[in-house]
């Protein structure tokens, strides 16, 4: 008798795509941590390009979301005309 396709699928080794994505995730984490968690997916994509890694912008965005990497952008400074407008 033949095995069910599901059981056959579970026993297969990882595909090349899965292996590549895992390698990209490692590089994404490194680029993100090197930037002190400030780089978004566009800058991380540029950094990977500088390192010679070819990957699409959408793939980088998806992987960063999957890893939960959110850039921490500084809040814009608010300027007031008087000293009292800046707060206590």
C-alpha atoms as a PDB file:
ATOM      1  CA  UNK A   1       0.000   0.000   0.000  1.00  0.00           C
ATOM      2  CA  UNK A   2       0.995   3.595  -0.520  1.00  0.00           C
ATOM      3  CA  UNK A   3       1.579   6.077   2.252  1.00  0.00           C
ATOM      4  CA  UNK A   4      -0.668   9.062   2.467  1.00  0.00           C
ATOM      5  CA  UNK A   5       0.804  12.156   0.788  1.00  0.00           C
ATOM      6  CA  UNK A   6       0.780  14.042   4.083  1.00  0.00           C
ATOM      7  CA  UNK A   7       2.990  11.503   5.808  1.00  0.00           C
ATOM      8  CA  UNK A   8       5.291  11.379   2.822  1.00  0.00           C
ATOM      9  CA  UNK A   9       5.560  15.183   2.826  1.00  0.00           C
ATOM     10  CA  UNK A  10       6.480  15.345   6.530  1.00  0.00           C
ATOM     11  CA  UNK A  11       9.454  13.058   6.047  1.00  0.00           C
ATOM     12  CA  UNK A  12      11.025  15.018   3.209  1.00  0.00           C
ATOM     13  CA  UNK A  13      14.122  17.166   3.782  1.00  0.00           C
ATOM     14  CA  UNK A  14      13.864  20.959   3.737  1.00  0.00           C
ATOM     15  CA  UNK A  15      13.587  22.556   0.326  1.00  0.00           C
ATOM     16  CA  UNK A  16      16.195  24.913  -1.103  1.00  0.00           C
ATOM     17  CA  UNK A  17      13.782  27.818  -0.625  1.00  0.00           C
ATOM     18  CA  UNK A  18      13.383  27.140   3.084  1.00  0.00           C
ATOM     19  CA  UNK A  19      17.152  26.836   3.529  1.00  0.00           C
ATOM     20  CA  UNK A  20      17.725  30.114   1.668  1.00  0.00           C
ATOM     21  CA  UNK A  21      15.122  31.942   3.742  1.00  0.00           C
ATOM     22  CA  UNK A  22      16.691  30.687   6.969  1.00  0.00           C
ATOM     23  CA  UNK A  23      20.059  31.993   5.787  1.00  0.00           C
ATOM     24  CA  UNK A  24      18.495  35.332   4.890  1.00  0.00           C
ATOM     25  CA  UNK A  25      16.868  35.553   8.314  1.00  0.00           C
ATOM     26  CA  UNK A  26      20.275  35.272   9.949  1.00  0.00           C
ATOM     27  CA  UNK A  27      21.656  38.063   7.759  1.00  0.00           C
ATOM     28  CA  UNK A  28      18.553  40.195   8.375  1.00  0.00           C
ATOM     29  CA  UNK A  29      19.001  39.922  12.123  1.00  0.00           C
ATOM     30  CA  UNK A  30      22.675  40.909  11.820  1.00  0.00           C
ATOM     31  CA  UNK A  31      21.940  43.928   9.609  1.00  0.00           C
ATOM     32  CA  UNK A  32      19.079  44.985  11.877  1.00  0.00           C
ATOM     33  CA  UNK A  33      21.153  44.674  15.059  1.00  0.00           C
ATOM     34  CA  UNK A  34      24.117  46.490  13.465  1.00  0.00           C
ATOM     35  CA  UNK A  35      21.820  49.458  12.850  1.00  0.00           C
ATOM     36  CA  UNK A  36      20.716  49.556  16.522  1.00  0.00           C
ATOM     37  CA  UNK A  37      17.236  48.449  15.434  1.00  0.00           C
ATOM     38  CA  UNK A  38      16.619  51.584  13.385  1.00  0.00           C
ATOM     39  CA  UNK A  39      16.748  50.244   9.813  1.00  0.00           C
ATOM     40  CA  UNK A  40      13.513  49.447   8.040  1.00  0.00           C
ATOM     41  CA  UNK A  41      13.173  46.894   5.271  1.00  0.00           C
ATOM     42  CA  UNK A  42      14.437  49.284   2.579  1.00  0.00           C
ATOM     43  CA  UNK A  43      17.691  50.052   4.369  1.00  0.00           C
ATOM     44  CA  UNK A  44      18.179  46.420   5.377  1.00  0.00           C
ATOM     45  CA  UNK A  45      17.679  45.498   1.709  1.00  0.00           C
ATOM     46  CA  UNK A  46      20.341  48.040   0.728  1.00  0.00           C
ATOM     47  CA  UNK A  47      22.720  46.701   3.372  1.00  0.00           C
ATOM     48  CA  UNK A  48      22.261  43.136   2.120  1.00  0.00           C
ATOM     49  CA  UNK A  49      22.909  44.366  -1.423  1.00  0.00           C
ATOM     50  CA  UNK A  50      26.194  45.910  -0.214  1.00  0.00           C
ATOM     51  CA  UNK A  51      27.120  42.544   1.276  1.00  0.00           C
ATOM     52  CA  UNK A  52      26.474  40.908  -2.091  1.00  0.00           C
ATOM     53  CA  UNK A  53      23.265  39.130  -1.116  1.00  0.00           C
ATOM     54  CA  UNK A  54      20.554  39.158  -3.775  1.00  0.00           C
ATOM     55  CA  UNK A  55      17.018  39.272  -2.377  1.00  0.00           C
ATOM     56  CA  UNK A  56      13.851  41.093  -3.338  1.00  0.00           C
ATOM     57  CA  UNK A  57      12.445  43.999  -1.382  1.00  0.00           C
ATOM     58  CA  UNK A  58       9.126  42.247  -0.746  1.00  0.00           C
ATOM     59  CA  UNK A  59      10.878  39.106   0.538  1.00  0.00           C
ATOM     60  CA  UNK A  60      12.928  41.208   2.962  1.00  0.00           C
ATOM     61  CA  UNK A  61       9.751  42.896   4.205  1.00  0.00           C
ATOM     62  CA  UNK A  62       7.968  39.559   4.698  1.00  0.00           C
ATOM     63  CA  UNK A  63      10.890  38.025   6.545  1.00  0.00           C
ATOM     64  CA  UNK A  64      11.269  41.041   8.815  1.00  0.00           C
ATOM     65  CA  UNK A  65       7.580  40.828   9.683  1.00  0.00           C
ATOM     66  CA  UNK A  66       7.916  37.113  10.300  1.00  0.00           C
ATOM     67  CA  UNK A  67      10.820  37.743  12.682  1.00  0.00           C
ATOM     68  CA  UNK A  68       9.014  40.642  14.378  1.00  0.00           C
ATOM     69  CA  UNK A  69      11.749  43.153  13.525  1.00  0.00           C
ATOM     70  CA  UNK A  70      10.240  46.621  13.773  1.00  0.00           C
ATOM     71  CA  UNK A  71      12.479  49.656  13.397  1.00  0.00           C
ATOM     72  CA  UNK A  72      12.512  52.118  16.261  1.00  0.00           C
ATOM     73  CA  UNK A  73      12.336  55.571  14.747  1.00  0.00           C
ATOM     74  CA  UNK A  74      13.032  58.597  16.923  1.00  0.00           C
ATOM     75  CA  UNK A  75      10.059  60.836  17.546  1.00  0.00           C
ATOM     76  CA  UNK A  76      10.171  64.176  15.762  1.00  0.00           C
ATOM     77  CA  UNK A  77      11.173  67.120  17.878  1.00  0.00           C
ATOM     78  CA  UNK A  78       8.546  69.742  18.448  1.00  0.00           C
ATOM     79  CA  UNK A  79       9.656  73.302  18.535  1.00  0.00           C
ATOM     80  CA  UNK A  80       7.761  75.993  20.359  1.00  0.00           C
ATOM     81  CA  UNK A  81       8.108  79.735  20.164  1.00  0.00           C
ATOM     82  CA  UNK A  82       8.116  80.272  23.909  1.00  0.00           C
ATOM     83  CA  UNK A  83       9.809  78.516  26.772  1.00  0.00           C
ATOM     84  CA  UNK A  84       6.452  77.557  28.338  1.00  0.00           C
ATOM     85  CA  UNK A  85       5.424  75.740  25.174  1.00  0.00           C
ATOM     86  CA  UNK A  86       8.241  73.228  25.607  1.00  0.00           C
ATOM     87  CA  UNK A  87       6.861  71.873  28.871  1.00  0.00           C
ATOM     88  CA  UNK A  88       7.770  72.098  32.537  1.00  0.00           C
END
